[in-house]
């Protein structure tokens, strides 16, 4: 008899993004932040990337609190 381990599926549609860095009024060259809440998204790796209005990469420092919430 073979034993199969089933893992809970990832649900990226349940990721929530919020905070001052995505609200109207954000200006260029002004440091800000936002939150990425993955607490209800299931297992998986998180990758955060950000581009400007010209499609250029913007440096991002992401801090993981270890519980699925990133800042």
C-alpha atoms as a PDB file:
ATOM      1  CA  UNK A   1       0.000   0.000   0.000  1.00  0.00           C
ATOM      2  CA  UNK A   2       1.346   3.448  -0.963  1.00  0.00           C
ATOM      3  CA  UNK A   3       0.864   6.438   1.304  1.00  0.00           C
ATOM      4  CA  UNK A   4       0.177   9.798  -0.363  1.00  0.00           C
ATOM      5  CA  UNK A   5       0.531  13.122   1.435  1.00  0.00           C
ATOM      6  CA  UNK A   6      -1.817  15.799   0.165  1.00  0.00           C
ATOM      7  CA  UNK A   7      -0.842  19.412   0.817  1.00  0.00           C
ATOM      8  CA  UNK A   8      -3.308  22.251   1.015  1.00  0.00           C
ATOM      9  CA  UNK A   9      -3.337  24.137  -2.329  1.00  0.00           C
ATOM     10  CA  UNK A  10      -2.074  27.693  -2.652  1.00  0.00           C
ATOM     11  CA  UNK A  11      -4.758  30.308  -3.290  1.00  0.00           C
ATOM     12  CA  UNK A  12      -3.034  33.456  -4.629  1.00  0.00           C
ATOM     13  CA  UNK A  13      -6.416  35.135  -5.107  1.00  0.00           C
ATOM     14  CA  UNK A  14      -6.623  35.437  -1.307  1.00  0.00           C
ATOM     15  CA  UNK A  15      -3.478  37.612  -1.032  1.00  0.00           C
ATOM     16  CA  UNK A  16      -4.349  41.131   0.166  1.00  0.00           C
ATOM     17  CA  UNK A  17      -2.247  44.256  -0.465  1.00  0.00           C
ATOM     18  CA  UNK A  18      -2.911  47.449   1.477  1.00  0.00           C
ATOM     19  CA  UNK A  19      -1.238  50.478   3.036  1.00  0.00           C
ATOM     20  CA  UNK A  20      -0.072  53.994   2.238  1.00  0.00           C
ATOM     21  CA  UNK A  21       2.295  52.906  -0.562  1.00  0.00           C
ATOM     22  CA  UNK A  22      -0.587  51.940  -2.855  1.00  0.00           C
ATOM     23  CA  UNK A  23      -2.989  54.762  -2.037  1.00  0.00           C
ATOM     24  CA  UNK A  24      -3.468  57.911  -4.141  1.00  0.00           C
ATOM     25  CA  UNK A  25      -0.914  60.638  -3.539  1.00  0.00           C
ATOM     26  CA  UNK A  26       2.261  58.518  -3.586  1.00  0.00           C
ATOM     27  CA  UNK A  27       5.075  60.512  -5.183  1.00  0.00           C
ATOM     28  CA  UNK A  28       8.348  59.519  -6.816  1.00  0.00           C
ATOM     29  CA  UNK A  29      11.499  59.388  -4.693  1.00  0.00           C
ATOM     30  CA  UNK A  30       9.504  59.378  -1.451  1.00  0.00           C
ATOM     31  CA  UNK A  31      10.019  56.333   0.732  1.00  0.00           C
ATOM     32  CA  UNK A  32       6.790  54.572   1.706  1.00  0.00           C
ATOM     33  CA  UNK A  33       5.541  51.101   2.544  1.00  0.00           C
ATOM     34  CA  UNK A  34       2.650  48.706   2.024  1.00  0.00           C
ATOM     35  CA  UNK A  35       1.636  45.341   3.402  1.00  0.00           C
ATOM     36  CA  UNK A  36       1.201  41.990   1.657  1.00  0.00           C
ATOM     37  CA  UNK A  37      -1.060  39.709   3.680  1.00  0.00           C
ATOM     38  CA  UNK A  38      -0.697  36.036   2.708  1.00  0.00           C
ATOM     39  CA  UNK A  39      -2.250  34.606   5.876  1.00  0.00           C
ATOM     40  CA  UNK A  40      -5.239  33.111   4.030  1.00  0.00           C
ATOM     41  CA  UNK A  41      -3.435  32.132   0.807  1.00  0.00           C
ATOM     42  CA  UNK A  42      -2.176  28.712   1.881  1.00  0.00           C
ATOM     43  CA  UNK A  43       1.366  27.351   1.508  1.00  0.00           C
ATOM     44  CA  UNK A  44       3.920  28.617  -0.992  1.00  0.00           C
ATOM     45  CA  UNK A  45       6.785  31.004  -1.564  1.00  0.00           C
ATOM     46  CA  UNK A  46       6.278  34.751  -1.776  1.00  0.00           C
ATOM     47  CA  UNK A  47       8.022  36.974  -4.321  1.00  0.00           C
ATOM     48  CA  UNK A  48       7.437  40.729  -4.331  1.00  0.00           C
ATOM     49  CA  UNK A  49       8.419  42.866  -7.303  1.00  0.00           C
ATOM     50  CA  UNK A  50       7.535  46.433  -8.138  1.00  0.00           C
ATOM     51  CA  UNK A  51       7.844  48.469 -11.340  1.00  0.00           C
ATOM     52  CA  UNK A  52       7.420  52.161 -12.030  1.00  0.00           C
ATOM     53  CA  UNK A  53       5.194  53.733 -14.682  1.00  0.00           C
ATOM     54  CA  UNK A  54       7.947  53.146 -17.290  1.00  0.00           C
ATOM     55  CA  UNK A  55       8.211  49.437 -16.469  1.00  0.00           C
ATOM     56  CA  UNK A  56      11.546  49.787 -14.674  1.00  0.00           C
ATOM     57  CA  UNK A  57      12.231  47.726 -11.559  1.00  0.00           C
ATOM     58  CA  UNK A  58      11.964  49.552  -8.240  1.00  0.00           C
ATOM     59  CA  UNK A  59      14.092  48.246  -5.337  1.00  0.00           C
ATOM     60  CA  UNK A  60      11.991  46.543  -2.654  1.00  0.00           C
ATOM     61  CA  UNK A  61      12.972  45.483   0.857  1.00  0.00           C
ATOM     62  CA  UNK A  62      10.448  42.996   2.231  1.00  0.00           C
ATOM     63  CA  UNK A  63      10.329  42.117   5.914  1.00  0.00           C
ATOM     64  CA  UNK A  64       8.596  38.859   6.827  1.00  0.00           C
ATOM     65  CA  UNK A  65       7.074  38.681  10.289  1.00  0.00           C
ATOM     66  CA  UNK A  66       6.981  34.890   9.968  1.00  0.00           C
ATOM     67  CA  UNK A  67       3.190  34.643  10.004  1.00  0.00           C
ATOM     68  CA  UNK A  68       2.395  35.400   6.362  1.00  0.00           C
ATOM     69  CA  UNK A  69       2.436  39.205   6.631  1.00  0.00           C
ATOM     70  CA  UNK A  70       5.119  41.138   4.767  1.00  0.00           C
ATOM     71  CA  UNK A  71       5.985  44.833   4.932  1.00  0.00           C
END
